[in-house]
Amino acid sequence: MKILITGSSNGIGKAIALEFLDKKHEVIGFDILDSTIKNSHYNHYKIDVFNDKLPDFDDINIIINNAGVQNSGHDIDTNLKGSMRITEKYAFNKNIKSVLFIASASATTGSEFPEYVASKGGLVAYMKNVALRLANYKATCNSLSPGGVITSLNDCVMKDSHKWQQIMDETPLKKWACVDEIAKWSYFLTIVNQSMTAQDIIIDNGESAKANFIW
């Protein structure tokens, strides 16, 4: 299948690209950065999903909207509007099988930077709209909402022992997910899954479910 992944140069996006390449799919990557992926089945485009002209493709099977920024002043433009641009241009074709949005557990909890929360909450709402329209193509559409993920983006808290302990105190499973796990979830939701659609899946090691019972 032909897979389009945005934000494919680092972190979660790169891990997702490598997961699909490992399964012998053709992958197209969009990112504002160059890519270090070396694979004959990978084609990279240096693209800003919100601002740049998008190339024409009419045979995309799977779209994974992963490109995102955090507390940048452009969160809504990149995370929400950029994903909308990609989806509206490429998703509604006769070859589409699945669309996935990488949102955030903060879309449910509200526990993040304000504009970031708004962008990811909007993404989950937009996902449901897309799912209803993609049903006409017999295609699925869902969102994956990670909590903490081990990436260099989060070094500022992972390398601060005091902040890390505070985070772990709020996390029942006492760990964060790795990018490879998120990649496998992405593969499952778009390739293996045939029947679940319009759903947001939270992968946060139990953080959003935590409640302290006081008697």
N, C-alpha and C. Protein backbone atom coordinates (compact mmCIF):
# COMPACT_ATOMS: atom_id res chain seq x y z
N MET A 1 0.84 -1.20 0.00
CA MET A 1 0.00 0.00 0.00
C MET A 1 0.88 1.26 0.00
N LYS A 2 0.27 2.37 -0.39
CA LYS A 2 0.98 3.65 -0.40
C LYS A 2 0.55 4.45 0.83
N ILE A 3 1.52 4.77 1.68
CA ILE A 3 1.26 5.40 2.96
C ILE A 3 1.84 6.82 2.96
N LEU A 4 1.04 7.81 3.34
CA LEU A 4 1.51 9.17 3.50
C LEU A 4 1.60 9.49 4.98
N ILE A 5 2.79 9.88 5.43
CA ILE A 5 3.02 10.20 6.83
C ILE A 5 3.59 11.60 6.93
N THR A 6 2.95 12.45 7.72
CA THR A 6 3.49 13.80 7.93
C THR A 6 4.31 13.84 9.21
N GLY A 7 5.29 14.74 9.24
CA GLY A 7 6.18 14.80 10.39
C GLY A 7 7.02 13.54 10.52
N SER A 8 7.58 13.10 9.40
CA SER A 8 8.21 11.78 9.32
C SER A 8 9.71 11.77 9.59
N SER A 9 10.29 12.92 9.91
CA SER A 9 11.75 12.98 10.03
C SER A 9 12.29 12.59 11.41
N ASN A 10 11.46 12.73 12.44
CA ASN A 10 11.93 12.47 13.80
C ASN A 10 10.84 11.82 14.65
N GLY A 11 11.26 11.32 15.81
CA GLY A 11 10.32 10.89 16.83
C GLY A 11 9.29 9.88 16.38
N ILE A 12 8.03 10.15 16.74
CA ILE A 12 6.94 9.23 16.44
C ILE A 12 6.78 9.04 14.94
N GLY A 13 6.83 10.12 14.18
CA GLY A 13 6.63 10.02 12.74
C GLY A 13 7.67 9.16 12.05
N LYS A 14 8.91 9.30 12.45
CA LYS A 14 9.96 8.47 11.87
C LYS A 14 9.77 7.01 12.24
N ALA A 15 9.39 6.75 13.48
CA ALA A 15 9.16 5.37 13.92
C ALA A 15 8.01 4.74 13.14
N ILE A 16 6.96 5.52 12.88
CA ILE A 16 5.83 5.01 12.09
C ILE A 16 6.28 4.70 10.66
N ALA A 17 7.06 5.60 10.08
CA ALA A 17 7.56 5.36 8.71
C ALA A 17 8.37 4.09 8.65
N LEU A 18 9.26 3.88 9.61
CA LEU A 18 10.10 2.68 9.62
C LEU A 18 9.27 1.41 9.83
N GLU A 19 8.20 1.52 10.63
CA GLU A 19 7.33 0.36 10.85
C GLU A 19 6.66 -0.08 9.54
N PHE A 20 6.16 0.86 8.78
CA PHE A 20 5.51 0.53 7.51
C PHE A 20 6.53 0.07 6.46
N LEU A 21 7.69 0.68 6.46
CA LEU A 21 8.74 0.24 5.53
C LEU A 21 9.19 -1.18 5.85
N ASP A 22 9.26 -1.50 7.13
CA ASP A 22 9.63 -2.85 7.55
C ASP A 22 8.63 -3.88 7.05
N LYS A 23 7.37 -3.44 6.90
CA LYS A 23 6.31 -4.33 6.40
C LYS A 23 6.17 -4.25 4.88
N LYS A 24 7.15 -3.62 4.23
CA LYS A 24 7.26 -3.57 2.77
C LYS A 24 6.22 -2.69 2.08
N HIS A 25 5.73 -1.67 2.78
CA HIS A 25 4.83 -0.71 2.16
C HIS A 25 5.62 0.42 1.53
N GLU A 26 5.00 1.13 0.61
CA GLU A 26 5.60 2.33 0.02
C GLU A 26 5.22 3.52 0.88
N VAL A 27 6.21 4.31 1.30
CA VAL A 27 5.96 5.41 2.22
C VAL A 27 6.38 6.73 1.61
N ILE A 28 5.48 7.71 1.72
CA ILE A 28 5.78 9.09 1.35
C ILE A 28 5.83 9.89 2.64
N GLY A 29 6.92 10.62 2.86
CA GLY A 29 7.06 11.41 4.07
C GLY A 29 7.06 12.89 3.78
N PHE A 30 6.30 13.65 4.57
CA PHE A 30 6.31 15.11 4.52
C PHE A 30 6.90 15.63 5.83
N ASP A 31 7.84 16.56 5.75
CA ASP A 31 8.40 17.16 6.96
C ASP A 31 9.11 18.45 6.57
N ILE A 32 9.19 19.39 7.52
CA ILE A 32 9.94 20.62 7.25
C ILE A 32 11.45 20.37 7.32
N LEU A 33 11.84 19.21 7.86
CA LEU A 33 13.25 18.84 7.97
C LEU A 33 13.60 17.77 6.95
N ASP A 34 14.89 17.66 6.65
CA ASP A 34 15.37 16.56 5.82
C ASP A 34 15.20 15.25 6.57
N SER A 35 15.27 14.15 5.84
CA SER A 35 15.10 12.83 6.45
C SER A 35 16.40 12.04 6.39
N THR A 36 16.62 11.22 7.42
CA THR A 36 17.78 10.32 7.42
C THR A 36 17.40 8.90 7.03
N ILE A 37 16.12 8.68 6.68
CA ILE A 37 15.67 7.35 6.28
C ILE A 37 16.25 7.00 4.91
N LYS A 38 16.92 5.88 4.86
CA LYS A 38 17.49 5.40 3.60
C LYS A 38 16.80 4.09 3.22
N ASN A 39 15.85 4.19 2.32
CA ASN A 39 15.09 3.01 1.91
C ASN A 39 14.52 3.29 0.53
N SER A 40 14.64 2.33 -0.37
CA SER A 40 14.19 2.55 -1.75
C SER A 40 12.68 2.72 -1.85
N HIS A 41 11.95 2.33 -0.82
CA HIS A 41 10.49 2.47 -0.82
C HIS A 41 10.03 3.73 -0.09
N TYR A 42 11.00 4.60 0.25
CA TYR A 42 10.65 5.84 0.95
C TYR A 42 10.96 7.05 0.08
N ASN A 43 9.99 7.95 -0.07
CA ASN A 43 10.16 9.19 -0.81
C ASN A 43 9.86 10.36 0.12
N HIS A 44 10.81 11.28 0.24
CA HIS A 44 10.69 12.37 1.20
C HIS A 44 10.45 13.69 0.49
N TYR A 45 9.51 14.46 1.04
CA TYR A 45 9.22 15.81 0.54
C TYR A 45 9.41 16.80 1.68
N LYS A 46 10.22 17.82 1.44
CA LYS A 46 10.45 18.84 2.45
C LYS A 46 9.33 19.87 2.34
N ILE A 47 8.33 19.72 3.22
CA ILE A 47 7.08 20.45 3.09
C ILE A 47 6.59 20.93 4.45
N ASP A 48 6.12 22.16 4.49
CA ASP A 48 5.37 22.69 5.63
C ASP A 48 3.89 22.41 5.32
N VAL A 49 3.24 21.59 6.14
CA VAL A 49 1.88 21.13 5.81
C VAL A 49 0.86 22.26 5.83
N PHE A 50 1.17 23.37 6.50
CA PHE A 50 0.22 24.48 6.55
C PHE A 50 0.46 25.50 5.44
N ASN A 51 1.72 25.75 5.10
CA ASN A 51 2.04 26.86 4.20
C ASN A 51 2.37 26.48 2.77
N ASP A 52 2.96 25.32 2.56
CA ASP A 52 3.52 25.00 1.24
C ASP A 52 2.49 24.38 0.30
N LYS A 53 2.76 24.52 -1.00
CA LYS A 53 1.94 23.85 -2.01
C LYS A 53 2.13 22.34 -1.87
N LEU A 54 1.05 21.61 -1.90
CA LEU A 54 1.11 20.16 -1.73
C LEU A 54 1.17 19.47 -3.08
N PRO A 55 2.04 18.46 -3.22
CA PRO A 55 2.11 17.73 -4.49
C PRO A 55 0.84 16.95 -4.75
N ASP A 56 0.63 16.59 -6.00
CA ASP A 56 -0.58 15.86 -6.37
C ASP A 56 -0.35 14.35 -6.30
N PHE A 57 -1.22 13.66 -5.57
CA PHE A 57 -1.29 12.20 -5.55
C PHE A 57 -2.77 11.84 -5.58
N ASP A 58 -3.12 10.82 -6.33
CA ASP A 58 -4.52 10.40 -6.36
C ASP A 58 -4.70 8.94 -5.98
N ASP A 59 -3.64 8.35 -5.39
CA ASP A 59 -3.71 6.91 -5.10
C ASP A 59 -3.20 6.58 -3.70
N ILE A 60 -3.36 7.51 -2.76
CA ILE A 60 -2.93 7.26 -1.39
C ILE A 60 -3.90 6.29 -0.72
N ASN A 61 -3.36 5.26 -0.07
CA ASN A 61 -4.20 4.27 0.64
C ASN A 61 -4.39 4.60 2.11
N ILE A 62 -3.34 5.12 2.74
CA ILE A 62 -3.39 5.41 4.17
C ILE A 62 -2.72 6.75 4.43
N ILE A 63 -3.36 7.58 5.26
CA ILE A 63 -2.79 8.85 5.67
C ILE A 63 -2.61 8.84 7.18
N ILE A 64 -1.42 9.20 7.63
CA ILE A 64 -1.17 9.34 9.07
C ILE A 64 -0.72 10.78 9.31
N ASN A 65 -1.61 11.56 9.90
CA ASN A 65 -1.34 12.96 10.20
C ASN A 65 -0.63 13.04 11.54
N ASN A 66 0.68 13.21 11.48
CA ASN A 66 1.51 13.22 12.69
C ASN A 66 2.22 14.56 12.91
N ALA A 67 2.41 15.34 11.85
CA ALA A 67 3.17 16.59 11.97
C ALA A 67 2.57 17.47 13.06
N GLY A 68 3.43 17.97 13.94
CA GLY A 68 2.91 18.79 15.02
C GLY A 68 4.00 19.60 15.70
N VAL A 69 3.57 20.69 16.33
CA VAL A 69 4.45 21.54 17.13
C VAL A 69 3.80 21.75 18.49
N GLN A 70 4.57 22.24 19.43
CA GLN A 70 4.08 22.39 20.80
C GLN A 70 4.47 23.74 21.35
N ASN A 71 3.46 24.51 21.77
CA ASN A 71 3.69 25.81 22.40
C ASN A 71 4.55 26.70 21.51
N SER A 72 4.24 26.70 20.22
CA SER A 72 5.06 27.41 19.24
C SER A 72 4.48 28.75 18.82
N GLY A 73 3.23 28.98 19.15
CA GLY A 73 2.51 30.11 18.59
C GLY A 73 1.86 29.78 17.28
N HIS A 74 2.14 28.57 16.77
CA HIS A 74 1.56 28.12 15.49
C HIS A 74 0.90 26.75 15.65
N ASP A 75 0.56 26.37 16.87
CA ASP A 75 0.04 25.02 17.11
C ASP A 75 -1.24 24.74 16.33
N ILE A 76 -2.16 25.69 16.32
CA ILE A 76 -3.43 25.46 15.62
C ILE A 76 -3.21 25.40 14.11
N ASP A 77 -2.32 26.27 13.59
CA ASP A 77 -2.04 26.25 12.15
C ASP A 77 -1.43 24.91 11.73
N THR A 78 -0.42 24.47 12.44
CA THR A 78 0.28 23.25 12.04
C THR A 78 -0.49 21.99 12.42
N ASN A 79 -0.85 21.88 13.69
CA ASN A 79 -1.43 20.63 14.19
C ASN A 79 -2.83 20.38 13.65
N LEU A 80 -3.65 21.42 13.65
CA LEU A 80 -5.04 21.26 13.22
C LEU A 80 -5.25 21.61 11.75
N LYS A 81 -4.94 22.85 11.39
CA LYS A 81 -5.22 23.27 10.01
C LYS A 81 -4.33 22.54 9.00
N GLY A 82 -3.08 22.26 9.38
CA GLY A 82 -2.20 21.51 8.48
C GLY A 82 -2.74 20.11 8.23
N SER A 83 -3.20 19.46 9.29
CA SER A 83 -3.78 18.11 9.14
C SER A 83 -5.05 18.15 8.30
N MET A 84 -5.83 19.21 8.45
CA MET A 84 -7.04 19.36 7.64
C MET A 84 -6.69 19.53 6.16
N ARG A 85 -5.65 20.32 5.88
CA ARG A 85 -5.21 20.50 4.48
C ARG A 85 -4.82 19.17 3.85
N ILE A 86 -4.02 18.40 4.59
CA ILE A 86 -3.56 17.11 4.07
C ILE A 86 -4.74 16.18 3.83
N THR A 87 -5.62 16.11 4.80
CA THR A 87 -6.75 15.17 4.72
C THR A 87 -7.70 15.54 3.59
N GLU A 88 -8.05 16.81 3.50
CA GLU A 88 -9.00 17.22 2.46
C GLU A 88 -8.43 17.03 1.05
N LYS A 89 -7.11 17.15 0.92
CA LYS A 89 -6.50 16.98 -0.41
C LYS A 89 -6.36 15.52 -0.81
N TYR A 90 -6.00 14.65 0.15
CA TYR A 90 -5.61 13.30 -0.23
C TYR A 90 -6.57 12.18 0.19
N ALA A 91 -7.41 12.42 1.18
CA ALA A 91 -8.15 11.29 1.76
C ALA A 91 -9.31 10.80 0.92
N PHE A 92 -9.98 11.70 0.25
CA PHE A 92 -11.24 11.32 -0.39
C PHE A 92 -11.00 10.87 -1.83
N ASN A 93 -10.43 9.67 -1.93
CA ASN A 93 -10.18 9.06 -3.23
C ASN A 93 -10.59 7.59 -3.18
N LYS A 94 -10.80 6.99 -4.32
CA LYS A 94 -11.34 5.62 -4.37
C LYS A 94 -10.40 4.57 -3.80
N ASN A 95 -9.13 4.93 -3.60
CA ASN A 95 -8.16 3.97 -3.08
C ASN A 95 -7.95 4.06 -1.57
N ILE A 96 -8.58 5.01 -0.92
CA ILE A 96 -8.33 5.23 0.51
C ILE A 96 -8.83 4.06 1.35
N LYS A 97 -8.01 3.68 2.33
CA LYS A 97 -8.36 2.59 3.24
C LYS A 97 -8.49 3.08 4.68
N SER A 98 -7.66 4.05 5.07
CA SER A 98 -7.68 4.50 6.46
C SER A 98 -6.98 5.84 6.62
N VAL A 99 -7.48 6.63 7.57
CA VAL A 99 -6.84 7.88 7.96
C VAL A 99 -6.67 7.84 9.48
N LEU A 100 -5.48 8.22 9.93
CA LEU A 100 -5.20 8.25 11.37
C LEU A 100 -4.62 9.62 11.74
N PHE A 101 -5.10 10.16 12.86
CA PHE A 101 -4.58 11.42 13.38
C PHE A 101 -3.82 11.12 14.68
N ILE A 102 -2.60 11.62 14.80
CA ILE A 102 -1.88 11.52 16.06
C ILE A 102 -2.24 12.75 16.87
N ALA A 103 -3.12 12.55 17.84
CA ALA A 103 -3.61 13.66 18.67
C ALA A 103 -2.82 13.68 19.97
N SER A 104 -3.48 13.74 21.09
CA SER A 104 -2.80 13.79 22.38
C SER A 104 -3.80 13.49 23.49
N ALA A 105 -3.32 12.84 24.54
CA ALA A 105 -4.18 12.60 25.70
C ALA A 105 -4.67 13.92 26.28
N SER A 106 -3.93 15.00 26.06
CA SER A 106 -4.34 16.30 26.58
C SER A 106 -5.60 16.82 25.91
N ALA A 107 -5.97 16.25 24.75
CA ALA A 107 -7.24 16.62 24.13
C ALA A 107 -8.41 16.21 25.01
N THR A 108 -8.20 15.20 25.86
CA THR A 108 -9.22 14.75 26.80
C THR A 108 -9.06 15.40 28.17
N THR A 109 -7.81 15.49 28.64
CA THR A 109 -7.58 16.00 30.00
C THR A 109 -7.49 17.52 30.08
N GLY A 110 -7.08 18.16 28.99
CA GLY A 110 -6.85 19.61 29.00
C GLY A 110 -5.55 20.01 29.68
N SER A 111 -4.74 19.03 30.03
CA SER A 111 -3.53 19.29 30.82
C SER A 111 -2.32 19.48 29.91
N GLU A 112 -2.19 20.67 29.36
CA GLU A 112 -1.07 21.01 28.47
C GLU A 112 -1.09 22.51 28.23
N PHE A 113 -0.25 22.99 27.31
CA PHE A 113 -0.26 24.39 26.91
C PHE A 113 -1.59 24.69 26.21
N PRO A 114 -2.19 25.85 26.44
CA PRO A 114 -3.55 26.13 25.96
C PRO A 114 -3.75 25.93 24.45
N GLU A 115 -2.87 26.53 23.63
CA GLU A 115 -3.07 26.42 22.19
C GLU A 115 -2.84 24.99 21.71
N TYR A 116 -1.92 24.29 22.35
CA TYR A 116 -1.66 22.90 22.00
C TYR A 116 -2.90 22.05 22.28
N VAL A 117 -3.48 22.23 23.48
CA VAL A 117 -4.69 21.50 23.85
C VAL A 117 -5.81 21.78 22.85
N ALA A 118 -5.98 23.05 22.49
CA ALA A 118 -7.04 23.41 21.54
C ALA A 118 -6.81 22.75 20.18
N SER A 119 -5.55 22.72 19.75
CA SER A 119 -5.25 22.13 18.44
C SER A 119 -5.53 20.63 18.43
N LYS A 120 -5.18 19.94 19.50
CA LYS A 120 -5.38 18.49 19.55
C LYS A 120 -6.84 18.13 19.82
N GLY A 121 -7.52 18.94 20.63
CA GLY A 121 -8.95 18.72 20.82
C GLY A 121 -9.72 18.91 19.53
N GLY A 122 -9.33 19.93 18.77
CA GLY A 122 -9.94 20.14 17.46
C GLY A 122 -9.67 18.99 16.51
N LEU A 123 -8.48 18.42 16.62
CA LEU A 123 -8.12 17.30 15.76
C LEU A 123 -9.02 16.09 16.02
N VAL A 124 -9.31 15.82 17.28
CA VAL A 124 -10.19 14.68 17.61
C VAL A 124 -11.60 14.93 17.08
N ALA A 125 -12.10 16.16 17.23
CA ALA A 125 -13.43 16.48 16.71
C ALA A 125 -13.45 16.37 15.18
N TYR A 126 -12.41 16.87 14.53
CA TYR A 126 -12.33 16.80 13.07
C TYR A 126 -12.24 15.34 12.61
N MET A 127 -11.52 14.50 13.37
CA MET A 127 -11.43 13.07 13.04
C MET A 127 -12.81 12.45 12.92
N LYS A 128 -13.71 12.79 13.83
CA LYS A 128 -15.05 12.21 13.80
C LYS A 128 -15.82 12.66 12.55
N ASN A 129 -15.62 13.90 12.17
CA ASN A 129 -16.23 14.40 10.94
C ASN A 129 -15.71 13.65 9.72
N VAL A 130 -14.38 13.45 9.68
CA VAL A 130 -13.78 12.74 8.55
C VAL A 130 -14.26 11.29 8.52
N ALA A 131 -14.38 10.66 9.69
CA ALA A 131 -14.83 9.27 9.75
C ALA A 131 -16.21 9.11 9.12
N LEU A 132 -17.10 10.04 9.39
CA LEU A 132 -18.45 9.96 8.82
C LEU A 132 -18.40 10.07 7.30
N ARG A 133 -17.56 10.94 6.79
CA ARG A 133 -17.47 11.12 5.34
C ARG A 133 -16.72 9.98 4.66
N LEU A 134 -15.71 9.43 5.34
CA LEU A 134 -14.95 8.33 4.75
C LEU A 134 -15.72 7.02 4.76
N ALA A 135 -16.76 6.93 5.55
CA ALA A 135 -17.58 5.72 5.55
C ALA A 135 -18.14 5.43 4.16
N ASN A 136 -18.35 6.47 3.37
CA ASN A 136 -18.83 6.28 2.00
C ASN A 136 -17.82 5.55 1.14
N TYR A 137 -16.54 5.55 1.58
CA TYR A 137 -15.47 4.87 0.85
C TYR A 137 -15.12 3.53 1.52
N LYS A 138 -15.91 3.14 2.52
CA LYS A 138 -15.64 1.93 3.30
C LYS A 138 -14.27 1.99 3.97
N ALA A 139 -13.86 3.19 4.36
CA ALA A 139 -12.55 3.41 4.98
C ALA A 139 -12.73 3.81 6.44
N THR A 140 -11.74 3.48 7.26
CA THR A 140 -11.78 3.83 8.67
C THR A 140 -11.04 5.14 8.93
N CYS A 141 -11.39 5.76 10.04
CA CYS A 141 -10.69 6.98 10.47
C CYS A 141 -10.75 7.05 11.99
N ASN A 142 -9.58 7.13 12.62
CA ASN A 142 -9.49 7.19 14.07
C ASN A 142 -8.37 8.14 14.47
N SER A 143 -8.27 8.39 15.77
CA SER A 143 -7.14 9.16 16.28
C SER A 143 -6.46 8.39 17.40
N LEU A 144 -5.18 8.57 17.50
CA LEU A 144 -4.36 7.95 18.54
C LEU A 144 -3.84 9.08 19.42
N SER A 145 -4.12 8.99 20.71
CA SER A 145 -3.77 10.08 21.62
C SER A 145 -2.76 9.62 22.67
N PRO A 146 -1.48 9.76 22.37
CA PRO A 146 -0.46 9.40 23.36
C PRO A 146 -0.43 10.38 24.51
N GLY A 147 -0.05 9.87 25.68
CA GLY A 147 0.33 10.73 26.79
C GLY A 147 1.82 11.01 26.64
N GLY A 148 2.59 10.79 27.69
CA GLY A 148 4.03 10.98 27.57
C GLY A 148 4.67 9.94 26.68
N VAL A 149 5.57 10.39 25.82
CA VAL A 149 6.31 9.50 24.93
C VAL A 149 7.80 9.84 25.04
N ILE A 150 8.64 8.83 25.06
CA ILE A 150 10.07 9.04 25.20
C ILE A 150 10.66 9.51 23.87
N THR A 151 10.85 10.81 23.75
CA THR A 151 11.51 11.41 22.59
C THR A 151 12.40 12.55 23.09
N SER A 152 13.31 12.98 22.25
CA SER A 152 14.21 14.08 22.63
C SER A 152 13.45 15.37 22.89
N LEU A 153 12.25 15.49 22.32
CA LEU A 153 11.40 16.66 22.54
C LEU A 153 11.08 16.85 24.01
N ASN A 154 11.07 15.74 24.75
CA ASN A 154 10.68 15.78 26.16
C ASN A 154 11.87 15.70 27.11
N ASP A 155 13.07 15.92 26.58
CA ASP A 155 14.27 15.86 27.43
C ASP A 155 14.20 16.81 28.62
N CYS A 156 13.54 17.94 28.43
CA CYS A 156 13.51 18.96 29.49
C CYS A 156 12.85 18.45 30.76
N VAL A 157 11.93 17.49 30.64
CA VAL A 157 11.34 16.92 31.85
C VAL A 157 11.92 15.55 32.18
N MET A 158 12.32 14.81 31.15
CA MET A 158 12.86 13.47 31.41
C MET A 158 14.20 13.54 32.13
N LYS A 159 14.95 14.62 31.88
CA LYS A 159 16.28 14.76 32.49
C LYS A 159 16.27 15.61 33.76
N ASP A 160 15.08 16.01 34.17
CA ASP A 160 14.92 16.75 35.43
C ASP A 160 14.33 15.78 36.45
N SER A 161 15.13 15.31 37.38
CA SER A 161 14.70 14.25 38.28
C SER A 161 13.47 14.63 39.10
N HIS A 162 13.38 15.90 39.50
CA HIS A 162 12.23 16.34 40.30
C HIS A 162 10.95 16.33 39.46
N LYS A 163 11.02 16.90 38.25
CA LYS A 163 9.84 16.91 37.38
C LYS A 163 9.45 15.49 36.97
N TRP A 164 10.47 14.67 36.69
CA TRP A 164 10.18 13.28 36.28
C TRP A 164 9.47 12.52 37.39
N GLN A 165 9.88 12.73 38.62
CA GLN A 165 9.22 12.06 39.74
C GLN A 165 7.77 12.53 39.88
N GLN A 166 7.54 13.82 39.68
CA GLN A 166 6.18 14.34 39.72
C GLN A 166 5.31 13.70 38.64
N ILE A 167 5.88 13.53 37.45
CA ILE A 167 5.15 12.90 36.34
C ILE A 167 4.83 11.45 36.67
N MET A 168 5.82 10.74 37.19
CA MET A 168 5.60 9.34 37.53
C MET A 168 4.57 9.17 38.64
N ASP A 169 4.50 10.14 39.55
CA ASP A 169 3.49 10.10 40.61
C ASP A 169 2.08 10.21 40.04
N GLU A 170 1.96 10.80 38.85
CA GLU A 170 0.66 10.94 38.20
C GLU A 170 0.38 9.82 37.20
N THR A 171 1.30 8.89 37.06
CA THR A 171 1.20 7.87 36.02
C THR A 171 1.12 6.48 36.66
N PRO A 172 -0.04 5.85 36.67
CA PRO A 172 -0.20 4.57 37.36
C PRO A 172 0.79 3.48 36.94
N LEU A 173 1.10 3.36 35.67
CA LEU A 173 2.03 2.31 35.22
C LEU A 173 3.50 2.72 35.37
N LYS A 174 3.74 3.94 35.84
CA LYS A 174 5.10 4.41 36.18
C LYS A 174 6.08 4.35 35.00
N LYS A 175 5.57 4.69 33.82
CA LYS A 175 6.44 4.71 32.65
C LYS A 175 5.78 5.53 31.55
N TRP A 176 6.55 5.84 30.53
CA TRP A 176 6.03 6.45 29.32
C TRP A 176 6.14 5.44 28.17
N ALA A 177 5.39 5.69 27.12
CA ALA A 177 5.47 4.85 25.93
C ALA A 177 6.73 5.20 25.14
N CYS A 178 7.20 4.26 24.35
CA CYS A 178 8.30 4.52 23.41
C CYS A 178 7.71 4.73 22.01
N VAL A 179 8.48 5.34 21.14
CA VAL A 179 7.97 5.65 19.80
C VAL A 179 7.63 4.39 19.01
N ASP A 180 8.36 3.30 19.25
CA ASP A 180 8.08 2.07 18.52
C ASP A 180 6.70 1.50 18.89
N GLU A 181 6.30 1.66 20.14
CA GLU A 181 4.97 1.19 20.54
C GLU A 181 3.88 2.01 19.84
N ILE A 182 4.06 3.32 19.78
CA ILE A 182 3.09 4.17 19.08
C ILE A 182 3.03 3.80 17.60
N ALA A 183 4.17 3.47 17.03
CA ALA A 183 4.21 3.05 15.62
C ALA A 183 3.41 1.77 15.40
N LYS A 184 3.53 0.83 16.32
CA LYS A 184 2.78 -0.43 16.18
C LYS A 184 1.28 -0.20 16.35
N TRP A 185 0.90 0.67 17.26
CA TRP A 185 -0.51 1.05 17.38
C TRP A 185 -1.00 1.67 16.06
N SER A 186 -0.18 2.51 15.46
CA SER A 186 -0.56 3.16 14.20
C SER A 186 -0.75 2.13 13.10
N TYR A 187 0.12 1.16 13.04
CA TYR A 187 0.00 0.10 12.04
C TYR A 187 -1.28 -0.70 12.27
N PHE A 188 -1.54 -1.05 13.52
CA PHE A 188 -2.74 -1.83 13.84
C PHE A 188 -4.01 -1.08 13.44
N LEU A 189 -4.08 0.19 13.79
CA LEU A 189 -5.30 0.95 13.56
C LEU A 189 -5.58 1.20 12.09
N THR A 190 -4.55 1.20 11.26
CA THR A 190 -4.75 1.50 9.84
C THR A 190 -4.73 0.27 8.94
N ILE A 191 -4.00 -0.76 9.33
CA ILE A 191 -3.87 -1.96 8.49
C ILE A 191 -4.70 -3.12 9.02
N VAL A 192 -4.53 -3.45 10.29
CA VAL A 192 -5.22 -4.61 10.87
C VAL A 192 -6.69 -4.29 11.12
N ASN A 193 -6.96 -3.15 11.71
CA ASN A 193 -8.33 -2.75 12.04
C ASN A 193 -9.16 -2.54 10.77
N GLN A 194 -10.34 -3.16 10.74
CA GLN A 194 -11.24 -3.00 9.62
C GLN A 194 -12.61 -2.45 10.05
N SER A 195 -12.89 -2.45 11.34
CA SER A 195 -14.25 -2.19 11.80
C SER A 195 -14.40 -1.03 12.77
N MET A 196 -13.35 -0.64 13.46
CA MET A 196 -13.44 0.47 14.39
C MET A 196 -13.19 1.78 13.66
N THR A 197 -14.10 2.73 13.83
CA THR A 197 -13.92 4.04 13.20
C THR A 197 -14.54 5.11 14.10
N ALA A 198 -14.08 6.35 13.91
CA ALA A 198 -14.56 7.51 14.68
C ALA A 198 -14.23 7.42 16.16
N GLN A 199 -13.10 6.76 16.50
CA GLN A 199 -12.73 6.57 17.90
C GLN A 199 -11.37 7.19 18.19
N ASP A 200 -11.23 7.69 19.42
CA ASP A 200 -9.96 8.22 19.91
C ASP A 200 -9.38 7.25 20.92
N ILE A 201 -8.18 6.76 20.66
CA ILE A 201 -7.53 5.76 21.51
C ILE A 201 -6.45 6.44 22.33
N ILE A 202 -6.59 6.40 23.66
CA ILE A 202 -5.64 7.06 24.55
C ILE A 202 -4.59 6.07 25.04
N ILE A 203 -3.32 6.39 24.79
CA ILE A 203 -2.19 5.55 25.20
C ILE A 203 -1.34 6.38 26.17
N ASP A 204 -1.69 6.35 27.46
CA ASP A 204 -1.02 7.26 28.39
C ASP A 204 -0.60 6.59 29.70
N ASN A 205 -0.51 5.26 29.69
CA ASN A 205 -0.10 4.52 30.89
C ASN A 205 -0.99 4.81 32.10
N GLY A 206 -2.24 5.16 31.80
CA GLY A 206 -3.23 5.33 32.86
C GLY A 206 -3.33 6.69 33.47
N GLU A 207 -2.54 7.66 32.96
CA GLU A 207 -2.48 8.98 33.60
C GLU A 207 -3.85 9.67 33.63
N SER A 208 -4.58 9.62 32.52
CA SER A 208 -5.86 10.34 32.46
C SER A 208 -6.95 9.66 33.30
N ALA A 209 -6.69 8.39 33.69
CA ALA A 209 -7.68 7.65 34.48
C ALA A 209 -7.43 7.76 35.98
N LYS A 210 -6.34 8.38 36.37
CA LYS A 210 -5.97 8.38 37.78
C LYS A 210 -6.97 9.16 38.63
N ALA A 211 -7.34 8.55 39.72
CA ALA A 211 -8.21 9.23 40.69
C ALA A 211 -7.84 8.71 42.08
N ASN A 212 -7.63 9.59 42.99
CA ASN A 212 -7.29 9.20 44.35
C ASN A 212 -8.55 9.16 45.20
N PHE A 213 -8.83 7.99 45.77
CA PHE A 213 -10.01 7.81 46.61
C PHE A 213 -9.66 8.17 48.06
N ILE A 214 -10.34 9.16 48.57
CA ILE A 214 -10.09 9.60 49.94
C ILE A 214 -11.31 9.24 50.81
N TRP A 215 -11.08 8.52 51.89
CA TRP A 215 -12.19 8.10 52.77
C TRP A 215 -12.05 8.76 54.13
